[in-house]
Structures are given as structure tokens and as C-alpha cells.
Full PDB file with SEQRES, HELIX, SHEET, SSBOND, CRYST1, ORIGX, SCALE, CONECT and MASTER records, all heavy atoms in Angstrom:
SEQRES   1 A   32  GLU ILE ALA GLY ASN GLY LEU ASP ASP ASP SER ASN GLY          
SEQRES   2 A   32  TYR ILE ASP ASP VAL ASN GLY TRP ASN PHE VAL ALA ALA          
SEQRES   3 A   32  SER ASN ASP LEU TRP ASP                                      
CRYST1    1.000    1.000    1.000  90.00  90.00  90.00 P 1           1          
ORIGX1      1.000000  0.000000  0.000000        0.00000                         
ORIGX2      0.000000  1.000000  0.000000        0.00000                         
ORIGX3      0.000000  0.000000  1.000000        0.00000                         
SCALE1      1.000000  0.000000  0.000000        0.00000                         
SCALE2      0.000000  1.000000  0.000000        0.00000                         
SCALE3      0.000000  0.000000  1.000000        0.00000                         
ATOM      1  N   GLU A   1       0.903  -1.202   0.024  1.00  0.00           N  
ATOM      2  CA  GLU A   1      -0.060   0.059  -0.035  1.00  0.00           C  
ATOM      3  C   GLU A   1       0.896   1.291   0.036  1.00  0.00           C  
ATOM      4  O   GLU A   1       1.910   1.270   0.628  1.00  0.00           O  
ATOM      5  CB  GLU A   1      -0.926   0.035   1.244  1.00  0.00           C  
ATOM      6  CG  GLU A   1      -2.165  -0.814   1.141  1.00  0.00           C  
ATOM      7  CD  GLU A   1      -3.133  -0.370  -0.012  1.00  0.00           C  
ATOM      8  OE1 GLU A   1      -3.234   0.806  -0.296  1.00  0.00           O  
ATOM      9  OE2 GLU A   1      -3.876  -1.290  -0.502  1.00  0.00           O  
ATOM     10  N   ILE A   2       0.366   2.292  -0.694  1.00  0.00           N  
ATOM     11  CA  ILE A   2       0.956   3.625  -0.651  1.00  0.00           C  
ATOM     12  C   ILE A   2      -0.064   4.438   0.222  1.00  0.00           C  
ATOM     13  O   ILE A   2      -1.266   4.657  -0.153  1.00  0.00           O  
ATOM     14  CB  ILE A   2       1.141   4.230  -1.989  1.00  0.00           C  
ATOM     15  CG1 ILE A   2       2.023   3.336  -2.785  1.00  0.00           C  
ATOM     16  CG2 ILE A   2       1.617   5.571  -1.951  1.00  0.00           C  
ATOM     17  CD1 ILE A   2       2.155   3.697  -4.293  1.00  0.00           C  
ATOM     18  N   ALA A   3       0.459   5.020   1.362  1.00  0.00           N  
ATOM     19  CA  ALA A   3      -0.418   5.764   2.296  1.00  0.00           C  
ATOM     20  C   ALA A   3      -0.976   6.915   1.681  1.00  0.00           C  
ATOM     21  O   ALA A   3      -0.324   7.730   1.024  1.00  0.00           O  
ATOM     22  CB  ALA A   3       0.466   6.085   3.518  1.00  0.00           C  
ATOM     23  N   GLY A   4      -2.304   7.119   1.854  1.00  0.00           N  
ATOM     24  CA  GLY A   4      -3.029   8.276   1.580  1.00  0.00           C  
ATOM     25  C   GLY A   4      -3.194   8.634   0.187  1.00  0.00           C  
ATOM     26  O   GLY A   4      -3.764   9.738  -0.230  1.00  0.00           O  
ATOM     27  N   ASN A   5      -3.063   7.712  -0.765  1.00  0.00           N  
ATOM     28  CA  ASN A   5      -3.346   7.935  -2.165  1.00  0.00           C  
ATOM     29  C   ASN A   5      -4.775   7.544  -2.653  1.00  0.00           C  
ATOM     30  O   ASN A   5      -5.106   7.757  -3.841  1.00  0.00           O  
ATOM     31  CB  ASN A   5      -2.365   7.238  -3.038  1.00  0.00           C  
ATOM     32  CG  ASN A   5      -2.441   5.765  -3.150  1.00  0.00           C  
ATOM     33  OD1 ASN A   5      -3.307   5.143  -2.403  1.00  0.00           O  
ATOM     34  ND2 ASN A   5      -1.577   5.128  -3.978  1.00  0.00           N  
ATOM     35  N   GLY A   6      -5.639   7.007  -1.672  1.00  0.00           N  
ATOM     36  CA  GLY A   6      -6.969   6.732  -1.974  1.00  0.00           C  
ATOM     37  C   GLY A   6      -7.118   5.548  -2.838  1.00  0.00           C  
ATOM     38  O   GLY A   6      -8.229   5.317  -3.440  1.00  0.00           O  
ATOM     39  N   LEU A   7      -6.059   4.732  -3.060  1.00  0.00           N  
ATOM     40  CA  LEU A   7      -6.232   3.580  -3.943  1.00  0.00           C  
ATOM     41  C   LEU A   7      -5.999   2.231  -3.237  1.00  0.00           C  
ATOM     42  O   LEU A   7      -5.288   2.334  -2.177  1.00  0.00           O  
ATOM     43  CB  LEU A   7      -5.168   3.709  -5.048  1.00  0.00           C  
ATOM     44  CG  LEU A   7      -5.286   4.889  -5.933  1.00  0.00           C  
ATOM     45  CD1 LEU A   7      -4.105   4.945  -6.925  1.00  0.00           C  
ATOM     46  CD2 LEU A   7      -6.581   4.892  -6.739  1.00  0.00           C  
ATOM     47  N   ASP A   8      -6.475   1.217  -3.738  1.00  0.00           N  
ATOM     48  CA  ASP A   8      -6.190  -0.084  -3.247  1.00  0.00           C  
ATOM     49  C   ASP A   8      -4.966  -0.664  -4.027  1.00  0.00           C  
ATOM     50  O   ASP A   8      -5.200  -1.460  -4.891  1.00  0.00           O  
ATOM     51  CB  ASP A   8      -7.418  -1.019  -3.431  1.00  0.00           C  
ATOM     52  CG  ASP A   8      -7.306  -2.410  -2.942  1.00  0.00           C  
ATOM     53  OD1 ASP A   8      -6.298  -2.703  -2.270  1.00  0.00           O  
ATOM     54  OD2 ASP A   8      -8.161  -3.283  -3.256  1.00  0.00           O  
ATOM     55  N   ASP A   9      -3.807  -0.219  -3.604  1.00  0.00           N  
ATOM     56  CA  ASP A   9      -2.632  -0.547  -4.366  1.00  0.00           C  
ATOM     57  C   ASP A   9      -2.284  -2.038  -4.373  1.00  0.00           C  
ATOM     58  O   ASP A   9      -1.708  -2.461  -5.396  1.00  0.00           O  
ATOM     59  CB  ASP A   9      -1.429   0.181  -3.781  1.00  0.00           C  
ATOM     60  CG  ASP A   9      -1.575   1.676  -3.732  1.00  0.00           C  
ATOM     61  OD1 ASP A   9      -1.713   2.254  -4.804  1.00  0.00           O  
ATOM     62  OD2 ASP A   9      -1.669   2.344  -2.622  1.00  0.00           O  
ATOM     63  N   ASP A  10      -2.667  -2.811  -3.334  1.00  0.00           N  
ATOM     64  CA  ASP A  10      -2.369  -4.196  -3.365  1.00  0.00           C  
ATOM     65  C   ASP A  10      -3.507  -5.042  -3.785  1.00  0.00           C  
ATOM     66  O   ASP A  10      -3.358  -6.275  -3.810  1.00  0.00           O  
ATOM     67  CB  ASP A  10      -1.823  -4.666  -1.997  1.00  0.00           C  
ATOM     68  CG  ASP A  10      -2.846  -4.466  -0.914  1.00  0.00           C  
ATOM     69  OD1 ASP A  10      -3.974  -3.916  -1.179  1.00  0.00           O  
ATOM     70  OD2 ASP A  10      -2.577  -4.737   0.231  1.00  0.00           O  
ATOM     71  N   SER A  11      -4.569  -4.506  -4.295  1.00  0.00           N  
ATOM     72  CA  SER A  11      -5.749  -5.161  -4.797  1.00  0.00           C  
ATOM     73  C   SER A  11      -6.292  -6.217  -3.878  1.00  0.00           C  
ATOM     74  O   SER A  11      -6.818  -7.229  -4.235  1.00  0.00           O  
ATOM     75  CB  SER A  11      -5.430  -5.779  -6.163  1.00  0.00           C  
ATOM     76  OG  SER A  11      -4.959  -4.801  -7.093  1.00  0.00           O  
ATOM     77  N   ASN A  12      -6.250  -5.911  -2.523  1.00  0.00           N  
ATOM     78  CA  ASN A  12      -6.874  -6.798  -1.587  1.00  0.00           C  
ATOM     79  C   ASN A  12      -8.314  -6.393  -1.164  1.00  0.00           C  
ATOM     80  O   ASN A  12      -8.882  -7.051  -0.312  1.00  0.00           O  
ATOM     81  CB  ASN A  12      -6.077  -6.983  -0.238  1.00  0.00           C  
ATOM     82  CG  ASN A  12      -5.962  -5.705   0.488  1.00  0.00           C  
ATOM     83  OD1 ASN A  12      -6.467  -4.640   0.138  1.00  0.00           O  
ATOM     84  ND2 ASN A  12      -5.415  -5.797   1.674  1.00  0.00           N  
ATOM     85  N   GLY A  13      -8.857  -5.296  -1.771  1.00  0.00           N  
ATOM     86  CA  GLY A  13     -10.147  -4.878  -1.465  1.00  0.00           C  
ATOM     87  C   GLY A  13     -10.356  -3.870  -0.389  1.00  0.00           C  
ATOM     88  O   GLY A  13     -11.427  -3.417  -0.025  1.00  0.00           O  
ATOM     89  N   TYR A  14      -9.144  -3.396   0.026  1.00  0.00           N  
ATOM     90  CA  TYR A  14      -9.256  -2.407   1.157  1.00  0.00           C  
ATOM     91  C   TYR A  14      -8.359  -1.278   0.777  1.00  0.00           C  
ATOM     92  O   TYR A  14      -7.099  -1.395   0.509  1.00  0.00           O  
ATOM     93  CB  TYR A  14      -8.636  -2.957   2.464  1.00  0.00           C  
ATOM     94  CG  TYR A  14      -9.487  -4.193   2.803  1.00  0.00           C  
ATOM     95  CD1 TYR A  14      -8.979  -5.515   2.627  1.00  0.00           C  
ATOM     96  CD2 TYR A  14     -10.686  -4.112   3.396  1.00  0.00           C  
ATOM     97  CE1 TYR A  14      -9.659  -6.685   2.824  1.00  0.00           C  
ATOM     98  CE2 TYR A  14     -11.446  -5.242   3.671  1.00  0.00           C  
ATOM     99  CZ  TYR A  14     -10.932  -6.524   3.451  1.00  0.00           C  
ATOM    100  OH  TYR A  14     -11.731  -7.686   3.770  1.00  0.00           O  
ATOM    101  N   ILE A  15      -8.863  -0.071   0.711  1.00  0.00           N  
ATOM    102  CA  ILE A  15      -8.197   1.169   0.269  1.00  0.00           C  
ATOM    103  C   ILE A  15      -7.337   1.683   1.398  1.00  0.00           C  
ATOM    104  O   ILE A  15      -7.776   1.890   2.499  1.00  0.00           O  
ATOM    105  CB  ILE A  15      -9.192   2.287  -0.257  1.00  0.00           C  
ATOM    106  CG1 ILE A  15      -9.904   1.757  -1.450  1.00  0.00           C  
ATOM    107  CG2 ILE A  15      -8.442   3.491  -0.484  1.00  0.00           C  
ATOM    108  CD1 ILE A  15     -11.059   2.602  -1.870  1.00  0.00           C  
ATOM    109  N   ASP A  16      -6.025   1.963   1.009  1.00  0.00           N  
ATOM    110  CA  ASP A  16      -5.133   2.462   2.013  1.00  0.00           C  
ATOM    111  C   ASP A  16      -5.015   1.724   3.399  1.00  0.00           C  
ATOM    112  O   ASP A  16      -4.850   2.399   4.366  1.00  0.00           O  
ATOM    113  CB  ASP A  16      -5.332   4.062   2.252  1.00  0.00           C  
ATOM    114  CG  ASP A  16      -5.002   4.842   1.047  1.00  0.00           C  
ATOM    115  OD1 ASP A  16      -4.216   4.383   0.220  1.00  0.00           O  
ATOM    116  OD2 ASP A  16      -5.474   5.956   0.913  1.00  0.00           O  
ATOM    117  N   ASP A  17      -5.121   0.503   3.399  1.00  0.00           N  
ATOM    118  CA  ASP A  17      -4.900  -0.356   4.621  1.00  0.00           C  
ATOM    119  C   ASP A  17      -3.470  -0.428   4.897  1.00  0.00           C  
ATOM    120  O   ASP A  17      -2.901  -1.525   4.955  1.00  0.00           O  
ATOM    121  CB  ASP A  17      -5.607  -1.634   4.599  1.00  0.00           C  
ATOM    122  CG  ASP A  17      -5.136  -2.548   3.414  1.00  0.00           C  
ATOM    123  OD1 ASP A  17      -4.693  -2.141   2.330  1.00  0.00           O  
ATOM    124  OD2 ASP A  17      -5.058  -3.778   3.673  1.00  0.00           O  
ATOM    125  N   VAL A  18      -2.839   0.606   5.244  1.00  0.00           N  
ATOM    126  CA  VAL A  18      -1.466   0.722   5.516  1.00  0.00           C  
ATOM    127  C   VAL A  18      -0.926   0.026   6.759  1.00  0.00           C  
ATOM    128  O   VAL A  18      -0.009  -0.743   6.853  1.00  0.00           O  
ATOM    129  CB  VAL A  18      -0.916   2.197   5.543  1.00  0.00           C  
ATOM    130  CG1 VAL A  18       0.536   2.285   5.894  1.00  0.00           C  
ATOM    131  CG2 VAL A  18      -1.178   2.809   4.247  1.00  0.00           C  
ATOM    132  N   ASN A  19      -1.820   0.131   7.865  1.00  0.00           N  
ATOM    133  CA  ASN A  19      -1.515  -0.513   9.199  1.00  0.00           C  
ATOM    134  C   ASN A  19      -2.492  -1.589   9.560  1.00  0.00           C  
ATOM    135  O   ASN A  19      -2.218  -2.252  10.484  1.00  0.00           O  
ATOM    136  CB  ASN A  19      -1.399   0.516  10.317  1.00  0.00           C  
ATOM    137  CG  ASN A  19      -0.281   1.420  10.045  1.00  0.00           C  
ATOM    138  OD1 ASN A  19      -0.552   2.683  10.090  1.00  0.00           O  
ATOM    139  ND2 ASN A  19       0.881   1.004  10.042  1.00  0.00           N  
ATOM    140  N   GLY A  20      -3.567  -1.740   8.834  1.00  0.00           N  
ATOM    141  CA  GLY A  20      -4.701  -2.654   9.140  1.00  0.00           C  
ATOM    142  C   GLY A  20      -5.944  -2.156   8.640  1.00  0.00           C  
ATOM    143  O   GLY A  20      -6.036  -1.259   7.737  1.00  0.00           O  
ATOM    144  N   TRP A  21      -7.074  -2.653   9.234  1.00  0.00           N  
ATOM    145  CA  TRP A  21      -8.382  -2.248   8.662  1.00  0.00           C  
ATOM    146  C   TRP A  21      -9.473  -2.207   9.770  1.00  0.00           C  
ATOM    147  O   TRP A  21      -9.417  -2.978  10.693  1.00  0.00           O  
ATOM    148  CB  TRP A  21      -8.889  -3.336   7.581  1.00  0.00           C  
ATOM    149  CG  TRP A  21     -10.009  -2.843   6.805  1.00  0.00           C  
ATOM    150  CD1 TRP A  21     -11.326  -3.309   6.956  1.00  0.00           C  
ATOM    151  CD2 TRP A  21     -10.142  -1.755   5.859  1.00  0.00           C  
ATOM    152  NE1 TRP A  21     -12.096  -2.551   6.070  1.00  0.00           N  
ATOM    153  CE2 TRP A  21     -11.441  -1.585   5.437  1.00  0.00           C  
ATOM    154  CE3 TRP A  21      -9.162  -0.937   5.368  1.00  0.00           C  
ATOM    155  CZ2 TRP A  21     -11.768  -0.637   4.462  1.00  0.00           C  
ATOM    156  CZ3 TRP A  21      -9.538   0.102   4.415  1.00  0.00           C  
ATOM    157  CH2 TRP A  21     -10.759   0.188   4.048  1.00  0.00           C  
ATOM    158  N   ASN A  22     -10.429  -1.299   9.588  1.00  0.00           N  
ATOM    159  CA  ASN A  22     -11.576  -1.069  10.394  1.00  0.00           C  
ATOM    160  C   ASN A  22     -12.750  -1.767   9.803  1.00  0.00           C  
ATOM    161  O   ASN A  22     -13.380  -1.175   8.979  1.00  0.00           O  
ATOM    162  CB  ASN A  22     -11.702   0.417  10.776  1.00  0.00           C  
ATOM    163  CG  ASN A  22     -12.873   0.679  11.665  1.00  0.00           C  
ATOM    164  OD1 ASN A  22     -13.817   0.012  11.711  1.00  0.00           O  
ATOM    165  ND2 ASN A  22     -12.864   1.891  12.201  1.00  0.00           N  
ATOM    166  N   PHE A  23     -13.321  -2.932  10.359  1.00  0.00           N  
ATOM    167  CA  PHE A  23     -14.421  -3.502   9.714  1.00  0.00           C  
ATOM    168  C   PHE A  23     -15.703  -2.954  10.291  1.00  0.00           C  
ATOM    169  O   PHE A  23     -16.708  -3.282   9.814  1.00  0.00           O  
ATOM    170  CB  PHE A  23     -14.248  -5.053  10.016  1.00  0.00           C  
ATOM    171  CG  PHE A  23     -13.262  -5.722   9.090  1.00  0.00           C  
ATOM    172  CD1 PHE A  23     -12.019  -5.888   9.540  1.00  0.00           C  
ATOM    173  CD2 PHE A  23     -13.624  -6.131   7.879  1.00  0.00           C  
ATOM    174  CE1 PHE A  23     -11.028  -6.456   8.725  1.00  0.00           C  
ATOM    175  CE2 PHE A  23     -12.690  -6.687   7.011  1.00  0.00           C  
ATOM    176  CZ  PHE A  23     -11.398  -6.868   7.354  1.00  0.00           C  
ATOM    177  N   VAL A  24     -15.668  -2.195  11.375  1.00  0.00           N  
ATOM    178  CA  VAL A  24     -16.891  -1.510  11.936  1.00  0.00           C  
ATOM    179  C   VAL A  24     -17.307  -0.427  10.949  1.00  0.00           C  
ATOM    180  O   VAL A  24     -18.392  -0.352  10.603  1.00  0.00           O  
ATOM    181  CB  VAL A  24     -16.602  -1.025  13.355  1.00  0.00           C  
ATOM    182  CG1 VAL A  24     -17.849  -0.242  13.872  1.00  0.00           C  
ATOM    183  CG2 VAL A  24     -16.247  -2.144  14.237  1.00  0.00           C  
ATOM    184  N   ALA A  25     -16.267   0.459  10.558  1.00  0.00           N  
ATOM    185  CA  ALA A  25     -16.602   1.570   9.667  1.00  0.00           C  
ATOM    186  C   ALA A  25     -16.126   1.372   8.219  1.00  0.00           C  
ATOM    187  O   ALA A  25     -16.331   2.214   7.401  1.00  0.00           O  
ATOM    188  CB  ALA A  25     -15.882   2.848  10.227  1.00  0.00           C  
ATOM    189  N   ALA A  26     -15.703   0.238   7.906  1.00  0.00           N  
ATOM    190  CA  ALA A  26     -15.234  -0.108   6.510  1.00  0.00           C  
ATOM    191  C   ALA A  26     -14.275   0.962   6.032  1.00  0.00           C  
ATOM    192  O   ALA A  26     -14.402   1.615   4.964  1.00  0.00           O  
ATOM    193  CB  ALA A  26     -16.326  -0.250   5.658  1.00  0.00           C  
ATOM    194  N   SER A  27     -13.228   1.216   6.892  1.00  0.00           N  
ATOM    195  CA  SER A  27     -12.236   2.208   6.637  1.00  0.00           C  
ATOM    196  C   SER A  27     -10.824   1.862   7.151  1.00  0.00           C  
ATOM    197  O   SER A  27     -10.817   0.802   7.775  1.00  0.00           O  
ATOM    198  CB  SER A  27     -12.706   3.546   7.135  1.00  0.00           C  
ATOM    199  OG  SER A  27     -12.434   3.590   8.588  1.00  0.00           O  
ATOM    200  N   ASN A  28      -9.883   2.763   6.880  1.00  0.00           N  
ATOM    201  CA  ASN A  28      -8.589   2.501   7.413  1.00  0.00           C  
ATOM    202  C   ASN A  28      -8.336   3.140   8.736  1.00  0.00           C  
ATOM    203  O   ASN A  28      -7.249   3.332   9.283  1.00  0.00           O  
ATOM    204  CB  ASN A  28      -7.518   2.788   6.401  1.00  0.00           C  
ATOM    205  CG  ASN A  28      -7.471   4.307   6.018  1.00  0.00           C  
ATOM    206  OD1 ASN A  28      -8.286   5.012   6.462  1.00  0.00           O  
ATOM    207  ND2 ASN A  28      -6.564   4.691   5.142  1.00  0.00           N  
ATOM    208  N   ASP A  29      -9.410   3.844   9.272  1.00  0.00           N  
ATOM    209  CA  ASP A  29      -9.355   4.542  10.663  1.00  0.00           C  
ATOM    210  C   ASP A  29      -9.349   3.521  11.757  1.00  0.00           C  
ATOM    211  O   ASP A  29     -10.357   2.873  12.028  1.00  0.00           O  
ATOM    212  CB  ASP A  29     -10.550   5.433  10.799  1.00  0.00           C  
ATOM    213  CG  ASP A  29     -10.554   6.193  12.087  1.00  0.00           C  
ATOM    214  OD1 ASP A  29      -9.638   6.114  12.843  1.00  0.00           O  
ATOM    215  OD2 ASP A  29     -11.643   6.810  12.407  1.00  0.00           O  
ATOM    216  N   LEU A  30      -8.132   3.263  12.319  1.00  0.00           N  
ATOM    217  CA  LEU A  30      -7.883   2.324  13.354  1.00  0.00           C  
ATOM    218  C   LEU A  30      -7.958   2.906  14.717  1.00  0.00           C  
ATOM    219  O   LEU A  30      -7.665   2.190  15.665  1.00  0.00           O  
ATOM    220  CB  LEU A  30      -6.592   1.609  13.090  1.00  0.00           C  
ATOM    221  CG  LEU A  30      -6.500   0.877  11.719  1.00  0.00           C  
ATOM    222  CD1 LEU A  30      -5.031   0.472  11.418  1.00  0.00           C  
ATOM    223  CD2 LEU A  30      -7.364  -0.310  11.712  1.00  0.00           C  
ATOM    224  N   TRP A  31      -8.351   4.207  14.812  1.00  0.00           N  
ATOM    225  CA  TRP A  31      -8.215   4.864  16.210  1.00  0.00           C  
ATOM    226  C   TRP A  31      -9.142   4.040  17.178  1.00  0.00           C  
ATOM    227  O   TRP A  31     -10.296   3.655  16.889  1.00  0.00           O  
ATOM    228  CB  TRP A  31      -8.755   6.262  16.056  1.00  0.00           C  
ATOM    229  CG  TRP A  31      -8.502   6.985  17.325  1.00  0.00           C  
ATOM    230  CD1 TRP A  31      -9.469   7.366  18.251  1.00  0.00           C  
ATOM    231  CD2 TRP A  31      -7.171   7.365  17.922  1.00  0.00           C  
ATOM    232  NE1 TRP A  31      -8.860   7.875  19.354  1.00  0.00           N  
ATOM    233  CE2 TRP A  31      -7.500   7.864  19.162  1.00  0.00           C  
ATOM    234  CE3 TRP A  31      -5.960   7.199  17.533  1.00  0.00           C  
ATOM    235  CZ2 TRP A  31      -6.438   8.364  19.981  1.00  0.00           C  
ATOM    236  CZ3 TRP A  31      -4.935   7.685  18.352  1.00  0.00           C  
ATOM    237  CH2 TRP A  31      -5.181   8.215  19.618  1.00  0.00           C  
ATOM    238  N   ASP A  32      -8.586   3.843  18.296  1.00  0.00           N  
ATOM    239  CA  ASP A  32      -9.277   3.169  19.436  1.00  0.00           C  
ATOM    240  C   ASP A  32     -10.167   3.991  20.191  1.00  0.00           C  
ATOM    241  O   ASP A  32      -9.678   5.017  20.853  1.00  0.00           O  
ATOM    242  CB  ASP A  32      -8.156   2.552  20.359  1.00  0.00           C  
ATOM    243  CG  ASP A  32      -8.710   1.613  21.448  1.00  0.00           C  
ATOM    244  OD1 ASP A  32      -9.921   1.529  21.535  1.00  0.00           O  
ATOM    245  OD2 ASP A  32      -7.904   1.031  22.170  1.00  0.00           O  
TER     246      ASP A  32                                                      
MASTER        0    0    0    0    0    0    0    6  245    1    0    3          
END                                                                             
């Protein structure tokens, strides 16, 4: 992944999942 480019660079179905994924909000926002 390339951080912050708004693309799913690795084609795994998750956009900008640089550090992980948030399945509650379907986003890369991992804030606790």
C-alpha cells in the first residue's frame, strides 16, 4: 500500500490499509 493515495494498491479490496483495517466503519481509521 501507498499511504494516503486513496487507492487499493495491493488489490486486496481495502483502500489504504497501511497498518490494518476497520471492519466496523469499513475504513482504514484504526483509532481506538
